[in-house]
């Protein structure tokens, strides 16, 4: 790395938010000019507004599933997925200990018990944990496709199917990601996506549920719209389920307009990130003393964040310190933390004491909810360094990141 590169301006690692442009503006203005902001009806009762319906149609075709349902957030989609599968009090759901807040709290909010398990060197669920964690009360396993790569779905699904478990895929950080030439979100029984600000496809907020199970689809529709099943959904799948008390997780036409424009950019953003990643990874692969994150299907990942593991936590901290000094984004935590370190796990509370699935535990935190119960997750998440690759980066930015890692590696390894 020459002296002219030594303090290159730190590039912003934006994803969907950095791609907002005229396409989003055009669709949003269309909604505003029609003055039809609600998805189910506007001025003409015979012609529902088109944005949410178009988003659902295009995502359904992209994912190659039978049904998609646009909702108010990724968290809402997770809760709806659990409700759709009939999961509630007395049930257990396997959840990776390394995952976003909603993965745990959604399970608690439906009255079920999240059972935490280890991740492996993909930073996704370790497939061998499914067998270990399954009990007679286990109903589902939640798979998080962490930061742009697919979890190892073939062994995970095989272990889940053997035990009759519902597979819920959290694809919030992995739209456009594939595993064995099949989109994530289509491998399990239900997949969810998020359009929150920091995601590869964003509308500020918003979410999507995907499934090929007709019963799950109808139950999700009813749960997201106060138990109702409106004509637009009847046209997709005639009703067979009884109505029940639902919540209100509908997506607006304005949100759908932004999400639709963003989804149409997905393949282009992915191709750009993968091209930039290809400038960095071969150089990191040559460095001794670090290990790259394992990607179960390298041909299917998004490429927007590179991870490597140092030999120990102290070495990882040195990498981060020295890379930050060179204006290279690198984080140990990327909005995700071990669940057992979160306050809501440490205190075991729900919105009301009676609603907590942990209320009857005699001691808390109990075994299975403490740091010492997850040695593999503790080790891996203490040793990694994350290198974001924004879709708007230049090849020069990618070259600079690689050169900085090489330089820091030389200093640390001596």
Protein backbone atom coordinates (compact mmCIF):
# COMPACT_ATOMS: atom_id res chain seq x y z
CA UNK A 1 0.00 0.00 0.00
CA UNK A 2 1.62 3.28 -1.06
CA UNK A 3 1.55 6.50 0.94
CA UNK A 4 -1.13 8.09 -1.24
CA UNK A 5 -3.50 5.30 -0.18
CA UNK A 6 -2.63 5.35 3.51
CA UNK A 7 -5.52 7.55 4.64
CA UNK A 8 -8.07 7.10 1.90
CA UNK A 9 -11.47 8.56 2.88
CA UNK A 10 -13.63 5.98 4.57
CA UNK A 11 -16.32 4.88 2.08
CA UNK A 12 -19.87 4.50 3.31
CA UNK A 13 -20.93 0.81 3.28
CA UNK A 14 -24.53 1.51 2.30
CA UNK A 15 -26.79 -1.12 0.78
CA UNK A 16 -30.41 -0.46 -0.21
CA UNK A 17 -30.53 3.00 1.34
CA UNK A 18 -27.57 4.08 -0.77
CA UNK A 19 -29.42 2.95 -3.90
CA UNK A 20 -32.51 5.13 -3.40
CA UNK A 21 -33.08 7.19 -6.52
CA UNK A 22 -35.45 8.13 -9.29
CA UNK A 23 -37.07 4.67 -9.45
CA UNK A 24 -38.34 4.92 -5.88
CA UNK A 25 -39.40 8.53 -6.42
CA UNK A 26 -41.39 7.60 -9.53
CA UNK A 27 -43.38 4.88 -7.80
CA UNK A 28 -43.98 6.92 -4.63
CA UNK A 29 -45.23 9.87 -6.68
CA UNK A 30 -47.55 7.53 -8.55
CA UNK A 31 -49.14 6.51 -5.24
CA UNK A 32 -49.43 10.11 -4.06
CA UNK A 33 -50.88 11.37 -7.30
CA UNK A 34 -53.51 8.65 -7.27
CA UNK A 35 -54.19 9.48 -3.59
CA UNK A 36 -54.53 5.78 -2.85
CA UNK A 37 -52.34 5.00 0.14
CA UNK A 38 -54.19 1.95 1.52
CA UNK A 39 -53.61 -1.38 -0.17
CA UNK A 40 -57.14 -2.80 -0.12
CA UNK A 41 -59.21 0.02 -1.56
CA UNK A 42 -59.02 3.47 -3.11
CA UNK A 43 -61.49 5.49 -5.18
CA UNK A 44 -62.66 2.56 -7.29
CA UNK A 45 -63.84 -0.37 -5.11
CA UNK A 46 -63.55 -2.72 -8.08
CA UNK A 47 -59.86 -1.89 -8.62
CA UNK A 48 -57.62 -2.14 -5.54
CA UNK A 49 -54.42 -0.05 -5.64
CA UNK A 50 -51.55 -1.95 -7.28
CA UNK A 51 -48.30 -1.41 -5.36
CA UNK A 52 -48.50 -4.00 -2.57
CA UNK A 53 -50.07 -6.53 -4.91
CA UNK A 54 -47.32 -5.96 -7.49
CA UNK A 55 -44.62 -6.34 -4.84
CA UNK A 56 -46.17 -9.63 -3.78
CA UNK A 57 -46.43 -10.87 -7.35
CA UNK A 58 -42.83 -10.00 -8.24
CA UNK A 59 -41.32 -11.41 -5.05
CA UNK A 60 -43.37 -14.58 -5.43
CA UNK A 61 -41.97 -15.08 -8.94
CA UNK A 62 -38.41 -14.26 -7.84
CA UNK A 63 -38.47 -16.65 -4.90
CA UNK A 64 -40.41 -19.33 -6.79
CA UNK A 65 -42.96 -19.88 -4.02
CA UNK A 66 -46.74 -20.14 -4.12
CA UNK A 67 -47.54 -17.19 -1.87
CA UNK A 68 -46.04 -13.98 -0.54
CA UNK A 69 -47.56 -11.48 1.88
CA UNK A 70 -46.22 -7.96 2.36
CA UNK A 71 -46.38 -6.75 5.96
CA UNK A 72 -45.30 -3.86 8.17
CA UNK A 73 -41.86 -5.12 9.26
CA UNK A 74 -39.53 -8.09 9.35
CA UNK A 75 -40.36 -8.55 13.02
CA UNK A 76 -44.06 -8.65 12.15
CA UNK A 77 -43.28 -11.26 9.49
CA UNK A 78 -41.51 -13.43 12.09
CA UNK A 79 -44.44 -13.24 14.49
CA UNK A 80 -46.86 -14.00 11.65
CA UNK A 81 -44.75 -16.98 10.55
CA UNK A 82 -45.00 -18.46 14.04
CA UNK A 83 -48.73 -17.76 14.24
CA UNK A 84 -49.26 -19.21 10.77
CA UNK A 85 -47.59 -22.44 11.87
CA UNK A 86 -49.82 -22.61 14.96
CA UNK A 87 -46.94 -22.17 17.41
CA UNK A 88 -47.82 -20.91 20.88
CA UNK A 89 -47.74 -21.61 24.61
CA UNK A 90 -46.04 -24.86 25.55
CA UNK A 91 -44.14 -25.09 22.26
CA UNK A 92 -40.39 -24.72 21.79
CA UNK A 93 -38.59 -23.08 18.87
CA UNK A 94 -34.89 -23.65 18.19
CA UNK A 95 -33.11 -20.31 17.64
CA UNK A 96 -29.40 -19.64 17.02
CA UNK A 97 -27.84 -17.89 20.02
CA UNK A 98 -26.19 -15.46 17.57
CA UNK A 99 -29.18 -13.68 16.01
CA UNK A 100 -31.15 -10.44 15.93
CA UNK A 101 -33.46 -9.36 18.77
CA UNK A 102 -36.66 -10.25 16.90
CA UNK A 103 -35.68 -13.90 16.47
CA UNK A 104 -35.98 -14.36 20.24
CA UNK A 105 -38.69 -11.86 21.09
CA UNK A 106 -41.08 -13.02 18.34
CA UNK A 107 -41.10 -16.48 19.91
CA UNK A 108 -41.74 -15.04 23.36
CA UNK A 109 -44.55 -12.83 22.06
CA UNK A 110 -46.52 -15.83 20.77
CA UNK A 111 -46.06 -17.52 24.15
CA UNK A 112 -43.58 -20.17 23.00
CA UNK A 113 -40.12 -20.84 24.40
CA UNK A 114 -37.00 -19.97 22.39
CA UNK A 115 -34.33 -22.66 22.80
CA UNK A 116 -30.90 -21.24 22.04
CA UNK A 117 -28.31 -23.25 20.12
CA UNK A 118 -24.77 -22.80 18.79
CA UNK A 119 -23.67 -21.35 15.47
CA UNK A 120 -20.76 -22.77 13.47
CA UNK A 121 -18.06 -21.09 11.39
CA UNK A 122 -20.67 -19.86 8.92
CA UNK A 123 -22.04 -17.74 11.82
CA UNK A 124 -25.35 -19.45 11.04
CA UNK A 125 -27.09 -22.30 12.84
CA UNK A 126 -24.95 -25.40 13.35
CA UNK A 127 -26.96 -28.25 11.70
CA UNK A 128 -25.87 -30.75 14.37
CA UNK A 129 -27.60 -28.65 17.02
CA UNK A 130 -31.07 -29.54 15.71
CA UNK A 131 -30.81 -33.12 16.98
CA UNK A 132 -29.29 -32.06 20.30
CA UNK A 133 -31.89 -29.39 21.08
CA UNK A 134 -35.07 -31.18 19.96
CA UNK A 135 -37.45 -32.27 22.72
CA UNK A 136 -41.05 -33.55 22.60
CA UNK A 137 -42.16 -29.90 22.83
CA UNK A 138 -40.10 -28.66 19.88
CA UNK A 139 -42.25 -27.43 17.01
CA UNK A 140 -39.93 -25.41 14.80
CA UNK A 141 -36.39 -24.43 14.00
CA UNK A 142 -35.58 -20.85 13.02
CA UNK A 143 -32.71 -20.45 10.56
CA UNK A 144 -31.04 -17.06 10.23
CA UNK A 145 -29.18 -16.47 6.96
CA UNK A 146 -26.63 -14.16 8.53
CA UNK A 147 -25.29 -11.14 6.66
CA UNK A 148 -25.62 -12.12 3.04
CA UNK A 149 -24.93 -15.85 2.98
CA UNK A 150 -27.15 -18.91 3.16
CA UNK A 151 -27.03 -21.26 6.12
CA UNK A 152 -26.29 -24.90 5.30
CA UNK A 153 -29.90 -25.68 4.43
CA UNK A 154 -29.66 -29.27 3.18
CA UNK A 155 -28.51 -30.80 6.49
CA UNK A 156 -30.65 -28.39 8.52
CA UNK A 157 -33.80 -29.28 6.59
CA UNK A 158 -32.96 -32.99 6.71
CA UNK A 159 -32.59 -32.91 10.50
CA UNK A 160 -35.79 -30.87 10.88
CA UNK A 161 -37.85 -33.10 8.58
CA UNK A 162 -36.76 -36.22 10.47
CA UNK A 163 -38.27 -34.71 13.59
CA UNK A 164 -41.39 -33.18 12.05
CA UNK A 165 -40.26 -29.61 12.71
CA UNK A 166 -41.42 -26.53 10.83
CA UNK A 167 -38.47 -24.69 9.25
CA UNK A 168 -38.71 -20.90 9.44
CA UNK A 169 -36.10 -18.98 7.43
CA UNK A 170 -35.15 -15.50 8.55
CA UNK A 171 -33.83 -13.93 5.33
CA UNK A 172 -33.86 -10.35 6.63
CA UNK A 173 -30.17 -9.97 5.80
CA UNK A 174 -30.17 -12.21 2.74
CA UNK A 175 -32.60 -11.19 -0.03
CA UNK A 176 -31.20 -12.30 -3.37
CA UNK A 177 -29.11 -15.04 -1.74
CA UNK A 178 -29.25 -18.56 -3.15
CA UNK A 179 -28.33 -22.00 -1.89
CA UNK A 180 -27.93 -24.83 -4.41
CA UNK A 181 -29.55 -22.58 -7.06
CA UNK A 182 -32.66 -22.05 -4.95
CA UNK A 183 -33.51 -18.76 -3.27
CA UNK A 184 -33.35 -18.61 0.50
CA UNK A 185 -36.85 -18.25 1.84
CA UNK A 186 -38.02 -21.08 -0.41
CA UNK A 187 -36.17 -23.93 1.33
CA UNK A 188 -38.17 -24.04 4.54
CA UNK A 189 -41.88 -23.98 5.28
CA UNK A 190 -41.96 -20.20 5.74
CA UNK A 191 -39.44 -17.48 4.91
CA UNK A 192 -39.39 -13.87 6.03
CA UNK A 193 -37.68 -10.75 4.69
CA UNK A 194 -37.13 -7.28 6.12
CA UNK A 195 -37.12 -3.89 4.40
CA UNK A 196 -35.74 -2.03 7.42
CA UNK A 197 -33.28 0.80 6.75
CA UNK A 198 -30.06 -1.23 7.12
CA UNK A 199 -31.12 -4.09 4.85
CA UNK A 200 -30.01 -4.80 1.25
CA UNK A 201 -33.55 -3.94 0.13
CA UNK A 202 -35.09 -1.14 2.17
CA UNK A 203 -38.25 0.91 2.46
CA UNK A 204 -37.27 2.30 5.86
CA UNK A 205 -39.53 -0.35 7.40
CA UNK A 206 -41.55 -3.21 5.99
CA UNK A 207 -41.40 -6.97 5.65
CA UNK A 208 -42.47 -9.95 3.60
CA UNK A 209 -43.58 -13.49 4.34
CA UNK A 210 -43.09 -16.26 1.76
CA UNK A 211 -44.52 -19.80 1.78
CA UNK A 212 -45.86 -22.54 -0.44
CA UNK A 213 -48.13 -23.86 2.30
CA UNK A 214 -51.74 -22.70 1.62
CA UNK A 215 -52.83 -23.04 5.24
CA UNK A 216 -49.88 -21.03 6.51
CA UNK A 217 -50.62 -18.35 3.91
CA UNK A 218 -54.26 -17.98 4.91
CA UNK A 219 -53.46 -17.92 8.62
CA UNK A 220 -50.77 -15.29 8.04
CA UNK A 221 -53.22 -13.14 6.05
CA UNK A 222 -55.84 -13.37 8.79
CA UNK A 223 -53.29 -12.69 11.55
CA UNK A 224 -51.95 -9.58 9.78
CA UNK A 225 -55.39 -8.05 9.07
CA UNK A 226 -57.49 -8.42 12.22
CA UNK A 227 -58.69 -11.88 11.27
CA UNK A 228 -60.08 -10.71 7.94
CA UNK A 229 -59.62 -12.38 4.56
CA UNK A 230 -60.33 -9.85 1.86
CA UNK A 231 -61.23 -10.47 -1.81
CA UNK A 232 -57.68 -9.93 -3.09
CA UNK A 233 -56.57 -12.94 -1.02
CA UNK A 234 -59.63 -14.99 -1.86
CA UNK A 235 -58.57 -14.64 -5.50
CA UNK A 236 -55.15 -16.06 -4.59
CA UNK A 237 -56.39 -18.87 -2.35
CA UNK A 238 -60.04 -19.56 -1.43
CA UNK A 239 -60.58 -19.49 2.33
CA UNK A 240 -60.74 -22.71 4.33
CA UNK A 241 -59.60 -21.52 7.76
CA UNK A 242 -61.90 -20.04 10.41
CA UNK A 243 -61.42 -16.42 11.35
CA UNK A 244 -59.61 -15.66 14.59
CA UNK A 245 -58.51 -12.54 16.47
CA UNK A 246 -55.60 -11.09 14.54
CA UNK A 247 -53.34 -8.08 14.75
CA UNK A 248 -52.72 -5.28 12.27
CA UNK A 249 -49.50 -5.67 10.33
CA UNK A 250 -50.59 -4.42 6.90
CA UNK A 251 -48.19 -2.74 4.47
CA UNK A 252 -49.12 0.63 2.96
CA UNK A 253 -48.94 1.47 -0.73
CA UNK A 254 -46.20 4.03 -0.02
CA UNK A 255 -43.99 1.45 1.67
CA UNK A 256 -44.63 -1.01 -1.13
CA UNK A 257 -43.68 1.56 -3.76
CA UNK A 258 -40.21 1.98 -2.26
CA UNK A 259 -39.76 -1.74 -1.57
CA UNK A 260 -40.81 -2.63 -5.12
CA UNK A 261 -38.33 -0.22 -6.70
CA UNK A 262 -35.63 -1.57 -4.42
CA UNK A 263 -36.42 -5.23 -5.11
CA UNK A 264 -36.08 -4.55 -8.83
CA UNK A 265 -32.50 -3.38 -8.14
CA UNK A 266 -31.61 -6.45 -6.09
CA UNK A 267 -29.79 -8.48 -8.72
CA UNK A 268 -27.75 -5.49 -9.82
CA UNK A 269 -26.69 -4.68 -6.26
CA UNK A 270 -25.80 -8.30 -5.63
CA UNK A 271 -23.73 -8.54 -8.82
CA UNK A 272 -21.87 -5.37 -7.87
CA UNK A 273 -21.11 -6.55 -4.32
CA UNK A 274 -19.95 -9.95 -5.57
CA UNK A 275 -17.63 -8.31 -8.10
CA UNK A 276 -16.11 -6.09 -5.42
CA UNK A 277 -15.81 -9.01 -3.01
CA UNK A 278 -13.90 -10.94 -5.67
CA UNK A 279 -11.25 -8.21 -5.56
CA UNK A 280 -10.73 -8.76 -1.84
CA UNK A 281 -11.26 -12.44 -1.01
CA UNK A 282 -8.40 -13.93 -3.09
CA UNK A 283 -5.95 -11.65 -1.35
CA UNK A 284 -7.23 -12.52 2.12
CA UNK A 285 -7.14 -16.23 1.31
CA UNK A 286 -3.36 -15.99 0.98
CA UNK A 287 -2.85 -14.65 4.50
CA UNK A 288 -1.74 -17.15 7.13
CA UNK A 289 -3.01 -16.90 10.67
CA UNK A 290 -6.57 -15.88 9.76
CA UNK A 291 -9.50 -18.02 8.58
CA UNK A 292 -12.25 -16.78 6.31
CA UNK A 293 -15.84 -17.38 7.26
CA UNK A 294 -17.11 -20.59 5.69
CA UNK A 295 -19.77 -20.00 3.03
CA UNK A 296 -21.84 -23.16 2.37
CA UNK A 297 -22.56 -22.09 -1.22
CA UNK A 298 -20.05 -19.47 -2.43
CA UNK A 299 -21.84 -19.15 -5.77
CA UNK A 300 -25.02 -17.95 -4.07
CA UNK A 301 -23.91 -15.36 -1.54
CA UNK A 302 -24.55 -11.62 -1.79
CA UNK A 303 -21.01 -10.49 -1.06
CA UNK A 304 -21.77 -7.37 0.97
CA UNK A 305 -19.80 -8.32 4.07
CA UNK A 306 -16.56 -10.28 4.38
CA UNK A 307 -15.70 -12.01 7.65
CA UNK A 308 -12.45 -13.46 8.86
CA UNK A 309 -11.46 -15.02 12.17
CA UNK A 310 -8.24 -14.09 13.95
CA UNK A 311 -6.48 -16.60 16.19
CA UNK A 312 -7.90 -15.07 19.35
CA UNK A 313 -9.99 -12.16 20.61
CA UNK A 314 -6.94 -10.02 21.34
CA UNK A 315 -5.66 -10.39 17.78
CA UNK A 316 -9.12 -9.57 16.40
CA UNK A 317 -9.19 -6.41 18.51
CA UNK A 318 -5.78 -5.40 17.10
CA UNK A 319 -7.03 -5.92 13.54
CA UNK A 320 -10.08 -3.77 14.20
CA UNK A 321 -8.08 -1.02 15.90
CA UNK A 322 -5.49 -0.79 13.15
CA UNK A 323 -8.01 -1.08 10.30
CA UNK A 324 -10.13 1.67 11.85
CA UNK A 325 -7.02 3.83 12.04
CA UNK A 326 -6.76 3.40 8.26
CA UNK A 327 -10.41 4.41 7.78
CA UNK A 328 -11.58 0.90 6.97
CA UNK A 329 -15.00 -0.07 8.34
CA UNK A 330 -14.63 -3.19 10.49
CA UNK A 331 -16.87 -4.23 13.33
CA UNK A 332 -17.01 -7.04 15.82
CA UNK A 333 -20.73 -6.56 16.30
CA UNK A 334 -22.91 -5.65 13.34
CA UNK A 335 -26.23 -5.06 15.08
CA UNK A 336 -26.30 -8.69 16.18
CA UNK A 337 -25.23 -9.90 19.61
CA UNK A 338 -25.43 -13.21 21.48
CA UNK A 339 -29.00 -13.46 22.74
CA UNK A 340 -27.86 -14.52 26.21
CA UNK A 341 -26.18 -11.13 26.66
CA UNK A 342 -29.37 -9.16 25.93
CA UNK A 343 -31.24 -7.56 28.83
CA UNK A 344 -34.57 -9.20 27.92
CA UNK A 345 -32.91 -12.63 28.19
CA UNK A 346 -30.97 -11.82 31.34
CA UNK A 347 -34.17 -10.77 33.14
CA UNK A 348 -36.46 -13.29 31.39
CA UNK A 349 -39.38 -10.88 31.17
CA UNK A 350 -42.22 -10.47 28.69
CA UNK A 351 -44.66 -7.54 28.51
CA UNK A 352 -46.48 -9.04 31.51
CA UNK A 353 -44.96 -11.51 33.99
CA UNK A 354 -47.57 -14.17 33.21
CA UNK A 355 -46.72 -14.00 29.50
CA UNK A 356 -43.09 -15.00 29.98
CA UNK A 357 -42.37 -18.61 28.99
CA UNK A 358 -39.62 -18.53 31.64
CA UNK A 359 -41.95 -17.62 34.55
CA UNK A 360 -41.87 -21.14 36.01
CA UNK A 361 -38.09 -21.54 35.94
CA UNK A 362 -36.80 -21.84 39.51
CA UNK A 363 -33.52 -20.07 38.71
CA UNK A 364 -32.78 -17.53 36.03
CA UNK A 365 -30.83 -17.24 33.82
CA UNK A 366 -31.24 -20.98 33.58
CA UNK A 367 -28.97 -23.45 31.82
CA UNK A 368 -29.20 -22.81 28.09
CA UNK A 369 -29.45 -19.03 28.52
CA UNK A 370 -25.97 -18.27 29.87
CA UNK A 371 -22.74 -17.41 28.08
CA UNK A 372 -20.98 -20.48 29.48
CA UNK A 373 -23.51 -22.73 27.72
CA UNK A 374 -22.32 -21.60 24.26
CA UNK A 375 -18.53 -22.01 24.07
CA UNK A 376 -18.47 -22.27 20.26
CA UNK A 377 -20.59 -19.15 19.72
CA UNK A 378 -18.59 -17.26 22.34
CA UNK A 379 -15.32 -18.19 20.68
CA UNK A 380 -16.35 -17.47 17.09
CA UNK A 381 -18.06 -14.16 17.76
CA UNK A 382 -15.12 -12.89 19.83
CA UNK A 383 -12.62 -13.61 17.05
CA UNK A 384 -14.23 -12.28 13.90
CA UNK A 385 -13.58 -9.09 11.96
CA UNK A 386 -16.32 -7.87 9.60
CA UNK A 387 -15.53 -5.88 6.45
CA UNK A 388 -18.64 -4.29 4.86
CA UNK A 389 -18.66 -3.96 1.05
CA UNK A 390 -21.17 -1.31 -0.02
CA UNK A 391 -22.77 -1.75 -3.42
CA UNK A 392 -21.66 1.78 -4.37
CA UNK A 393 -18.00 1.10 -3.55
CA UNK A 394 -15.48 1.43 -6.32
CA UNK A 395 -12.86 -1.12 -7.34
CA UNK A 396 -10.34 1.27 -5.79
CA UNK A 397 -12.23 1.06 -2.48
CA UNK A 398 -12.10 -2.73 -2.61
CA UNK A 399 -8.40 -2.65 -3.44
CA UNK A 400 -7.81 -0.28 -0.53
CA UNK A 401 -9.62 -2.58 1.92
CA UNK A 402 -7.56 -5.58 0.79
CA UNK A 403 -4.31 -3.61 0.94
CA UNK A 404 -5.08 -2.40 4.45
CA UNK A 405 -5.81 -5.91 5.70
CA UNK A 406 -2.55 -7.11 4.14
CA UNK A 407 -0.62 -4.29 5.81
CA UNK A 408 -2.20 -4.83 9.22
CA UNK A 409 -1.70 -8.59 8.89
CA UNK A 410 2.02 -8.04 8.24
CA UNK A 411 2.30 -5.88 11.36
CA UNK A 412 0.39 -8.29 13.60
CA UNK A 413 1.95 -11.49 12.31
CA UNK A 414 5.37 -9.93 12.39
